[in-house]
N, C-alpha and C. Protein backbone atom coordinates (compact mmCIF):
# COMPACT_ATOMS: atom_id res chain seq x y z
N MET A 1 -42.70 -56.52 -57.71
CA MET A 1 -42.33 -57.78 -57.12
C MET A 1 -43.41 -58.80 -57.46
N ARG A 2 -43.00 -59.96 -57.85
CA ARG A 2 -43.93 -60.98 -58.32
C ARG A 2 -44.58 -61.77 -57.19
N PHE A 3 -43.85 -62.08 -56.14
CA PHE A 3 -44.38 -62.90 -55.05
C PHE A 3 -44.72 -62.02 -53.86
N HIS A 4 -45.89 -62.28 -53.28
CA HIS A 4 -46.38 -61.49 -52.15
C HIS A 4 -47.00 -62.42 -51.12
N GLN A 5 -47.07 -61.93 -49.90
CA GLN A 5 -47.84 -62.61 -48.88
C GLN A 5 -49.18 -61.90 -48.77
N VAL A 6 -50.19 -62.64 -48.34
CA VAL A 6 -51.53 -62.09 -48.20
C VAL A 6 -51.49 -60.87 -47.28
N LYS A 7 -50.67 -60.91 -46.23
CA LYS A 7 -50.61 -59.79 -45.30
C LYS A 7 -50.12 -58.51 -45.98
N GLU A 8 -49.30 -58.63 -47.03
CA GLU A 8 -48.85 -57.44 -47.75
C GLU A 8 -50.02 -56.79 -48.49
N LEU A 9 -50.88 -57.61 -49.06
CA LEU A 9 -52.05 -57.08 -49.76
C LEU A 9 -53.00 -56.43 -48.76
N VAL A 10 -53.21 -57.05 -47.61
CA VAL A 10 -54.09 -56.49 -46.58
C VAL A 10 -53.51 -55.17 -46.07
N ASP A 11 -52.21 -55.12 -45.86
CA ASP A 11 -51.56 -53.89 -45.41
C ASP A 11 -51.70 -52.79 -46.47
N TRP A 12 -51.53 -53.14 -47.74
CA TRP A 12 -51.68 -52.19 -48.83
C TRP A 12 -53.11 -51.65 -48.87
N ALA A 13 -54.11 -52.53 -48.73
CA ALA A 13 -55.52 -52.11 -48.76
C ALA A 13 -55.83 -51.21 -47.57
N ALA A 14 -55.30 -51.52 -46.39
CA ALA A 14 -55.50 -50.66 -45.22
C ALA A 14 -54.90 -49.28 -45.47
N GLY A 15 -53.71 -49.25 -46.06
CA GLY A 15 -53.07 -47.97 -46.39
C GLY A 15 -53.88 -47.19 -47.41
N TYR A 16 -54.48 -47.89 -48.34
CA TYR A 16 -55.31 -47.22 -49.34
C TYR A 16 -56.52 -46.57 -48.68
N HIS A 17 -57.16 -47.29 -47.75
CA HIS A 17 -58.29 -46.70 -47.02
C HIS A 17 -57.84 -45.49 -46.21
N ARG A 18 -56.65 -45.57 -45.61
CA ARG A 18 -56.11 -44.44 -44.85
C ARG A 18 -55.91 -43.22 -45.74
N ARG A 19 -55.34 -43.45 -46.93
CA ARG A 19 -55.09 -42.33 -47.86
C ARG A 19 -56.41 -41.72 -48.33
N LEU A 20 -57.42 -42.55 -48.58
CA LEU A 20 -58.72 -42.02 -48.97
C LEU A 20 -59.33 -41.20 -47.84
N ALA A 21 -59.23 -41.69 -46.60
CA ALA A 21 -59.77 -40.95 -45.45
C ALA A 21 -59.10 -39.58 -45.34
N GLU A 22 -57.78 -39.56 -45.52
CA GLU A 22 -57.06 -38.29 -45.45
C GLU A 22 -57.50 -37.35 -46.56
N GLN A 23 -57.68 -37.88 -47.76
CA GLN A 23 -58.10 -37.07 -48.89
C GLN A 23 -59.50 -36.51 -48.67
N TYR A 24 -60.41 -37.36 -48.20
CA TYR A 24 -61.78 -36.90 -47.93
C TYR A 24 -61.78 -35.81 -46.86
N SER A 25 -61.00 -36.00 -45.81
CA SER A 25 -60.93 -34.99 -44.74
C SER A 25 -60.37 -33.67 -45.26
N THR A 26 -59.35 -33.75 -46.07
CA THR A 26 -58.77 -32.53 -46.65
C THR A 26 -59.79 -31.81 -47.51
N LEU A 27 -60.48 -32.55 -48.36
CA LEU A 27 -61.49 -31.95 -49.23
C LEU A 27 -62.64 -31.35 -48.41
N ALA A 28 -63.03 -32.02 -47.32
CA ALA A 28 -64.12 -31.51 -46.48
C ALA A 28 -63.74 -30.19 -45.82
N GLY A 29 -62.46 -30.00 -45.61
CA GLY A 29 -61.98 -28.75 -44.99
C GLY A 29 -61.87 -27.60 -45.97
N GLY A 30 -62.08 -27.86 -47.24
CA GLY A 30 -62.01 -26.82 -48.26
C GLY A 30 -63.34 -26.10 -48.40
N GLY A 31 -63.44 -25.28 -49.39
CA GLY A 31 -64.64 -24.49 -49.61
C GLY A 31 -65.69 -25.25 -50.40
N VAL A 32 -66.32 -26.23 -49.75
CA VAL A 32 -67.34 -27.03 -50.41
C VAL A 32 -68.70 -26.77 -49.78
N ASP A 33 -69.73 -27.10 -50.50
CA ASP A 33 -71.10 -27.02 -50.04
C ASP A 33 -71.26 -27.83 -48.74
N GLU A 34 -72.19 -27.41 -47.87
CA GLU A 34 -72.35 -28.07 -46.58
C GLU A 34 -72.71 -29.56 -46.72
N ARG A 35 -73.58 -29.89 -47.65
CA ARG A 35 -73.94 -31.30 -47.84
C ARG A 35 -72.74 -32.10 -48.36
N VAL A 36 -71.99 -31.51 -49.24
CA VAL A 36 -70.79 -32.18 -49.76
C VAL A 36 -69.79 -32.39 -48.62
N ARG A 37 -69.64 -31.38 -47.76
CA ARG A 37 -68.75 -31.51 -46.61
C ARG A 37 -69.20 -32.66 -45.70
N MET A 38 -70.51 -32.73 -45.45
CA MET A 38 -71.04 -33.81 -44.63
C MET A 38 -70.78 -35.17 -45.28
N ALA A 39 -70.94 -35.25 -46.60
CA ALA A 39 -70.68 -36.51 -47.32
C ALA A 39 -69.21 -36.88 -47.22
N LEU A 40 -68.32 -35.92 -47.39
CA LEU A 40 -66.89 -36.19 -47.32
C LEU A 40 -66.48 -36.60 -45.90
N ASP A 41 -67.03 -35.94 -44.89
CA ASP A 41 -66.74 -36.33 -43.50
C ASP A 41 -67.21 -37.76 -43.23
N TYR A 42 -68.40 -38.08 -43.73
CA TYR A 42 -68.94 -39.44 -43.57
C TYR A 42 -68.02 -40.46 -44.24
N LEU A 43 -67.61 -40.17 -45.46
CA LEU A 43 -66.74 -41.10 -46.18
C LEU A 43 -65.40 -41.26 -45.47
N ALA A 44 -64.85 -40.17 -44.93
CA ALA A 44 -63.59 -40.25 -44.20
C ALA A 44 -63.75 -41.18 -42.99
N GLU A 45 -64.88 -41.05 -42.28
CA GLU A 45 -65.15 -41.91 -41.13
C GLU A 45 -65.24 -43.38 -41.55
N ARG A 46 -65.95 -43.66 -42.63
CA ARG A 46 -66.10 -45.03 -43.12
C ARG A 46 -64.75 -45.61 -43.56
N GLU A 47 -63.92 -44.78 -44.20
CA GLU A 47 -62.60 -45.25 -44.63
C GLU A 47 -61.72 -45.58 -43.42
N ARG A 48 -61.78 -44.75 -42.38
CA ARG A 48 -61.00 -45.05 -41.17
C ARG A 48 -61.47 -46.36 -40.53
N LYS A 49 -62.78 -46.60 -40.54
CA LYS A 49 -63.30 -47.85 -39.99
C LYS A 49 -62.77 -49.05 -40.79
N GLN A 50 -62.80 -48.93 -42.10
CA GLN A 50 -62.30 -50.04 -42.93
C GLN A 50 -60.81 -50.25 -42.73
N GLU A 51 -60.06 -49.17 -42.60
CA GLU A 51 -58.63 -49.30 -42.32
C GLU A 51 -58.43 -50.05 -41.00
N ASN A 52 -59.17 -49.66 -39.96
CA ASN A 52 -59.04 -50.32 -38.66
C ASN A 52 -59.44 -51.79 -38.72
N ASP A 53 -60.49 -52.09 -39.48
CA ASP A 53 -60.89 -53.49 -39.64
C ASP A 53 -59.77 -54.31 -40.26
N LEU A 54 -59.15 -53.77 -41.30
CA LEU A 54 -58.07 -54.51 -41.97
C LEU A 54 -56.83 -54.62 -41.10
N THR A 55 -56.46 -53.56 -40.40
CA THR A 55 -55.28 -53.64 -39.55
C THR A 55 -55.52 -54.60 -38.38
N GLY A 56 -56.79 -54.79 -38.01
CA GLY A 56 -57.11 -55.78 -36.98
C GLY A 56 -56.72 -57.19 -37.40
N TYR A 57 -56.82 -57.47 -38.69
CA TYR A 57 -56.39 -58.78 -39.18
C TYR A 57 -54.89 -58.97 -39.00
N LEU A 58 -54.15 -57.87 -39.07
CA LEU A 58 -52.70 -57.94 -39.01
C LEU A 58 -52.16 -58.00 -37.59
N ALA A 59 -53.02 -57.78 -36.60
CA ALA A 59 -52.59 -57.79 -35.20
C ALA A 59 -52.10 -59.18 -34.79
N ASP A 60 -51.14 -59.19 -33.90
CA ASP A 60 -50.64 -60.47 -33.37
C ASP A 60 -51.79 -61.25 -32.75
N GLY A 61 -51.82 -62.53 -32.98
CA GLY A 61 -52.84 -63.39 -32.42
C GLY A 61 -54.12 -63.43 -33.23
N SER A 62 -54.12 -62.84 -34.39
CA SER A 62 -55.31 -62.86 -35.25
C SER A 62 -55.63 -64.30 -35.65
N ASP A 63 -56.91 -64.59 -35.76
CA ASP A 63 -57.34 -65.93 -36.19
C ASP A 63 -56.91 -66.21 -37.63
N HIS A 64 -56.52 -65.19 -38.33
CA HIS A 64 -56.18 -65.32 -39.75
C HIS A 64 -54.67 -65.35 -39.99
N SER A 65 -53.88 -65.54 -38.95
CA SER A 65 -52.43 -65.46 -39.10
C SER A 65 -51.88 -66.46 -40.12
N LYS A 66 -52.46 -67.64 -40.18
CA LYS A 66 -51.99 -68.65 -41.13
C LYS A 66 -52.23 -68.20 -42.57
N VAL A 67 -53.42 -67.68 -42.84
CA VAL A 67 -53.74 -67.19 -44.19
C VAL A 67 -52.88 -65.99 -44.53
N LEU A 68 -52.66 -65.10 -43.57
CA LEU A 68 -51.88 -63.89 -43.82
C LEU A 68 -50.44 -64.21 -44.21
N GLU A 69 -49.93 -65.33 -43.76
CA GLU A 69 -48.55 -65.73 -44.07
C GLU A 69 -48.45 -66.45 -45.43
N THR A 70 -49.58 -66.74 -46.06
CA THR A 70 -49.60 -67.45 -47.33
C THR A 70 -48.97 -66.60 -48.43
N TRP A 71 -48.17 -67.24 -49.27
CA TRP A 71 -47.55 -66.58 -50.41
C TRP A 71 -48.40 -66.80 -51.65
N PHE A 72 -48.40 -65.82 -52.53
CA PHE A 72 -49.06 -65.98 -53.83
C PHE A 72 -48.19 -65.36 -54.90
N ASP A 73 -48.40 -65.85 -56.10
CA ASP A 73 -47.63 -65.41 -57.26
C ASP A 73 -48.55 -64.58 -58.14
N ASP A 74 -48.15 -63.34 -58.38
CA ASP A 74 -48.94 -62.46 -59.25
C ASP A 74 -47.96 -61.64 -60.07
N PRO A 75 -47.90 -61.86 -61.40
CA PRO A 75 -46.92 -61.16 -62.22
C PRO A 75 -47.09 -59.65 -62.20
N ALA A 76 -48.29 -59.17 -62.03
CA ALA A 76 -48.51 -57.73 -61.85
C ALA A 76 -48.53 -57.50 -60.35
N ASP A 77 -48.20 -56.30 -59.93
CA ASP A 77 -48.25 -56.05 -58.49
C ASP A 77 -49.62 -56.43 -57.98
N PHE A 78 -50.42 -55.51 -57.52
CA PHE A 78 -51.78 -55.83 -57.16
C PHE A 78 -52.64 -55.26 -58.28
N PRO A 79 -53.67 -55.98 -58.71
CA PRO A 79 -54.51 -55.49 -59.82
C PRO A 79 -55.08 -54.11 -59.53
N HIS A 80 -55.13 -53.31 -60.54
CA HIS A 80 -55.75 -51.99 -60.54
C HIS A 80 -55.01 -50.87 -59.80
N PRO A 81 -53.77 -51.01 -59.36
CA PRO A 81 -53.21 -49.90 -58.59
C PRO A 81 -53.21 -48.56 -59.33
N PRO A 82 -52.98 -48.51 -60.64
CA PRO A 82 -53.01 -47.18 -61.26
C PRO A 82 -54.37 -46.51 -61.13
N VAL A 83 -55.43 -47.27 -61.26
CA VAL A 83 -56.77 -46.72 -61.13
C VAL A 83 -56.99 -46.27 -59.69
N LEU A 84 -56.65 -47.13 -58.74
CA LEU A 84 -56.88 -46.81 -57.34
C LEU A 84 -56.07 -45.60 -56.90
N GLU A 85 -54.85 -45.50 -57.34
CA GLU A 85 -54.01 -44.39 -56.92
C GLU A 85 -54.44 -43.07 -57.56
N ARG A 86 -55.06 -43.13 -58.72
CA ARG A 86 -55.47 -41.92 -59.42
C ARG A 86 -56.77 -41.35 -58.88
N LEU A 87 -57.66 -42.17 -58.35
CA LEU A 87 -58.98 -41.72 -57.93
C LEU A 87 -58.98 -40.59 -56.91
N PRO A 88 -58.20 -40.66 -55.83
CA PRO A 88 -58.30 -39.59 -54.84
C PRO A 88 -57.96 -38.20 -55.40
N GLY A 89 -57.15 -38.14 -56.42
CA GLY A 89 -56.78 -36.85 -56.99
C GLY A 89 -57.83 -36.25 -57.90
N CYS A 90 -58.86 -37.00 -58.25
CA CYS A 90 -59.83 -36.50 -59.22
C CYS A 90 -61.25 -36.50 -58.67
N ILE A 91 -61.38 -36.37 -57.35
CA ILE A 91 -62.71 -36.37 -56.77
C ILE A 91 -63.41 -35.06 -57.10
N ASP A 92 -64.57 -35.17 -57.72
CA ASP A 92 -65.39 -34.01 -58.06
C ASP A 92 -66.24 -33.69 -56.84
N CYS A 93 -66.05 -32.51 -56.28
CA CYS A 93 -66.75 -32.13 -55.04
C CYS A 93 -67.90 -31.16 -55.30
N GLU A 94 -68.46 -31.18 -56.48
CA GLU A 94 -69.55 -30.26 -56.79
C GLU A 94 -70.86 -30.69 -56.15
N THR A 95 -71.14 -31.99 -56.13
CA THR A 95 -72.39 -32.50 -55.58
C THR A 95 -72.14 -33.75 -54.76
N VAL A 96 -73.11 -34.11 -53.93
CA VAL A 96 -73.02 -35.35 -53.16
C VAL A 96 -72.96 -36.53 -54.12
N GLN A 97 -73.73 -36.48 -55.19
CA GLN A 97 -73.75 -37.58 -56.16
C GLN A 97 -72.38 -37.77 -56.83
N SER A 98 -71.69 -36.68 -57.13
CA SER A 98 -70.37 -36.83 -57.76
C SER A 98 -69.36 -37.42 -56.79
N VAL A 99 -69.45 -37.03 -55.52
CA VAL A 99 -68.57 -37.61 -54.49
C VAL A 99 -68.90 -39.09 -54.34
N LEU A 100 -70.18 -39.42 -54.28
CA LEU A 100 -70.60 -40.82 -54.15
C LEU A 100 -70.12 -41.65 -55.33
N SER A 101 -70.23 -41.12 -56.52
CA SER A 101 -69.81 -41.85 -57.71
C SER A 101 -68.33 -42.23 -57.64
N THR A 102 -67.51 -41.29 -57.24
CA THR A 102 -66.08 -41.57 -57.13
C THR A 102 -65.81 -42.59 -56.02
N ALA A 103 -66.50 -42.44 -54.89
CA ALA A 103 -66.31 -43.37 -53.76
C ALA A 103 -66.70 -44.79 -54.16
N LEU A 104 -67.82 -44.91 -54.86
CA LEU A 104 -68.28 -46.25 -55.27
C LEU A 104 -67.31 -46.88 -56.27
N THR A 105 -66.77 -46.07 -57.16
CA THR A 105 -65.78 -46.60 -58.11
C THR A 105 -64.55 -47.12 -57.38
N ALA A 106 -64.06 -46.36 -56.42
CA ALA A 106 -62.89 -46.79 -55.64
C ALA A 106 -63.19 -48.09 -54.91
N HIS A 107 -64.36 -48.18 -54.31
CA HIS A 107 -64.70 -49.38 -53.54
C HIS A 107 -64.93 -50.59 -54.44
N ARG A 108 -65.59 -50.40 -55.53
CA ARG A 108 -65.84 -51.54 -56.42
C ARG A 108 -64.55 -52.04 -57.04
N THR A 109 -63.65 -51.13 -57.32
CA THR A 109 -62.36 -51.54 -57.87
C THR A 109 -61.57 -52.34 -56.82
N LEU A 110 -61.61 -51.90 -55.58
CA LEU A 110 -60.93 -52.63 -54.52
C LEU A 110 -61.61 -53.98 -54.28
N GLN A 111 -62.92 -54.01 -54.38
CA GLN A 111 -63.63 -55.28 -54.24
C GLN A 111 -63.23 -56.24 -55.36
N ASP A 112 -63.02 -55.72 -56.56
CA ASP A 112 -62.55 -56.55 -57.67
C ASP A 112 -61.20 -57.20 -57.34
N LEU A 113 -60.36 -56.47 -56.62
CA LEU A 113 -59.08 -57.02 -56.19
C LEU A 113 -59.30 -58.23 -55.29
N TYR A 114 -60.23 -58.14 -54.35
CA TYR A 114 -60.51 -59.26 -53.45
C TYR A 114 -61.08 -60.45 -54.22
N VAL A 115 -61.96 -60.18 -55.15
CA VAL A 115 -62.54 -61.27 -55.97
C VAL A 115 -61.44 -61.93 -56.80
N HIS A 116 -60.55 -61.12 -57.36
CA HIS A 116 -59.43 -61.63 -58.16
C HIS A 116 -58.57 -62.58 -57.32
N ARG A 117 -58.24 -62.16 -56.09
CA ARG A 117 -57.42 -63.01 -55.22
C ARG A 117 -58.20 -64.25 -54.79
N MET A 118 -59.51 -64.13 -54.59
CA MET A 118 -60.34 -65.28 -54.22
C MET A 118 -60.31 -66.31 -55.35
N GLU A 119 -60.44 -65.85 -56.58
CA GLU A 119 -60.46 -66.76 -57.73
C GLU A 119 -59.12 -67.46 -57.93
N LEU A 120 -58.03 -66.82 -57.54
CA LEU A 120 -56.71 -67.40 -57.72
C LEU A 120 -56.15 -68.04 -56.45
N ALA A 121 -56.96 -68.12 -55.41
CA ALA A 121 -56.51 -68.64 -54.13
C ALA A 121 -55.98 -70.05 -54.27
N GLY A 122 -54.88 -70.31 -53.52
CA GLY A 122 -54.26 -71.63 -53.57
C GLY A 122 -54.88 -72.64 -52.64
N GLY A 123 -55.63 -72.19 -51.66
CA GLY A 123 -56.24 -73.12 -50.70
C GLY A 123 -57.60 -72.61 -50.26
N SER A 124 -58.32 -73.50 -49.58
CA SER A 124 -59.69 -73.13 -49.17
C SER A 124 -59.69 -72.03 -48.11
N ASP A 125 -58.71 -72.00 -47.21
CA ASP A 125 -58.67 -70.95 -46.19
C ASP A 125 -58.43 -69.58 -46.83
N GLU A 126 -57.51 -69.55 -47.79
CA GLU A 126 -57.23 -68.29 -48.49
C GLU A 126 -58.45 -67.84 -49.28
N LYS A 127 -59.11 -68.78 -49.94
CA LYS A 127 -60.31 -68.45 -50.72
C LYS A 127 -61.39 -67.92 -49.78
N ALA A 128 -61.61 -68.56 -48.66
CA ALA A 128 -62.64 -68.12 -47.71
C ALA A 128 -62.30 -66.74 -47.15
N PHE A 129 -61.03 -66.47 -46.91
CA PHE A 129 -60.60 -65.17 -46.39
C PHE A 129 -60.95 -64.07 -47.38
N PHE A 130 -60.57 -64.24 -48.64
CA PHE A 130 -60.85 -63.21 -49.63
C PHE A 130 -62.34 -63.12 -49.97
N GLU A 131 -63.04 -64.23 -49.88
CA GLU A 131 -64.49 -64.19 -50.08
C GLU A 131 -65.13 -63.36 -48.97
N SER A 132 -64.66 -63.53 -47.75
CA SER A 132 -65.17 -62.76 -46.62
C SER A 132 -64.86 -61.27 -46.80
N LEU A 133 -63.64 -60.95 -47.22
CA LEU A 133 -63.29 -59.55 -47.49
C LEU A 133 -64.18 -58.97 -48.58
N SER A 134 -64.39 -59.72 -49.63
CA SER A 134 -65.23 -59.26 -50.74
C SER A 134 -66.67 -59.03 -50.29
N ASN A 135 -67.22 -59.98 -49.55
CA ASN A 135 -68.59 -59.84 -49.07
C ASN A 135 -68.73 -58.66 -48.12
N GLY A 136 -67.76 -58.48 -47.25
CA GLY A 136 -67.78 -57.35 -46.33
C GLY A 136 -67.68 -56.03 -47.07
N HIS A 137 -66.86 -56.02 -48.10
CA HIS A 137 -66.70 -54.80 -48.89
C HIS A 137 -67.97 -54.49 -49.67
N GLU A 138 -68.61 -55.53 -50.18
CA GLU A 138 -69.87 -55.34 -50.90
C GLU A 138 -70.93 -54.75 -49.97
N ALA A 139 -70.98 -55.23 -48.73
CA ALA A 139 -71.92 -54.69 -47.76
C ALA A 139 -71.60 -53.23 -47.44
N GLU A 140 -70.32 -52.90 -47.38
CA GLU A 140 -69.91 -51.52 -47.14
C GLU A 140 -70.33 -50.61 -48.28
N VAL A 141 -70.20 -51.08 -49.50
CA VAL A 141 -70.62 -50.29 -50.66
C VAL A 141 -72.12 -50.02 -50.59
N ARG A 142 -72.89 -51.03 -50.23
CA ARG A 142 -74.35 -50.84 -50.09
C ARG A 142 -74.66 -49.82 -48.99
N ARG A 143 -73.96 -49.93 -47.88
CA ARG A 143 -74.18 -49.00 -46.77
C ARG A 143 -73.86 -47.57 -47.19
N ILE A 144 -72.73 -47.38 -47.84
CA ILE A 144 -72.34 -46.04 -48.28
C ILE A 144 -73.37 -45.47 -49.25
N ALA A 145 -73.77 -46.26 -50.22
CA ALA A 145 -74.75 -45.79 -51.21
C ALA A 145 -76.07 -45.43 -50.52
N ARG A 146 -76.52 -46.26 -49.61
CA ARG A 146 -77.78 -46.00 -48.89
C ARG A 146 -77.68 -44.73 -48.05
N ASP A 147 -76.61 -44.61 -47.27
CA ASP A 147 -76.46 -43.46 -46.39
C ASP A 147 -76.26 -42.16 -47.15
N MET A 148 -75.51 -42.23 -48.23
CA MET A 148 -75.30 -41.02 -49.04
C MET A 148 -76.59 -40.61 -49.73
N GLN A 149 -77.40 -41.57 -50.13
CA GLN A 149 -78.68 -41.23 -50.74
C GLN A 149 -79.58 -40.55 -49.72
N ARG A 150 -79.54 -41.00 -48.49
CA ARG A 150 -80.31 -40.35 -47.43
C ARG A 150 -79.86 -38.90 -47.26
N LEU A 151 -78.58 -38.68 -47.32
CA LEU A 151 -78.04 -37.32 -47.21
C LEU A 151 -78.53 -36.46 -48.36
N GLU A 152 -78.54 -37.04 -49.54
CA GLU A 152 -78.99 -36.32 -50.73
C GLU A 152 -80.49 -35.99 -50.64
N ASP A 153 -81.27 -36.91 -50.07
CA ASP A 153 -82.71 -36.72 -49.96
C ASP A 153 -83.09 -35.76 -48.83
N TYR A 154 -82.18 -35.56 -47.90
CA TYR A 154 -82.45 -34.73 -46.72
C TYR A 154 -82.70 -33.30 -47.07
């Protein structure tokens, strides 16, 4: 579909975080090293938090309701979906670093989606909304990298 509302993209991103959380939890329940299990549990928790943050925008009475109702034209669905959809199936659970590498790729790709929408925004409110999402996501990537490195150093 060529035309979308901002809320559809936010809903899709929340669903993506939910699917990643489920995948991380499933992998943590498998026969993995204890540190890898701890990393996967941590990532599942962070993904659930991000999903909740995004679904909060969609709640009735949100300060962002006007932006969420905005329509945009994008000839491709949402940028990068094949990459994003493929990542959870190829998570290497051998080391904490391999899990981190996959997680950072997923997050940076999703952040690219926010930057893409910010650059194509039709109004200042829409641009500010996606800039805020991008900045928040960038901070989350830094947090994950820092915390996972601490786990690796432990």
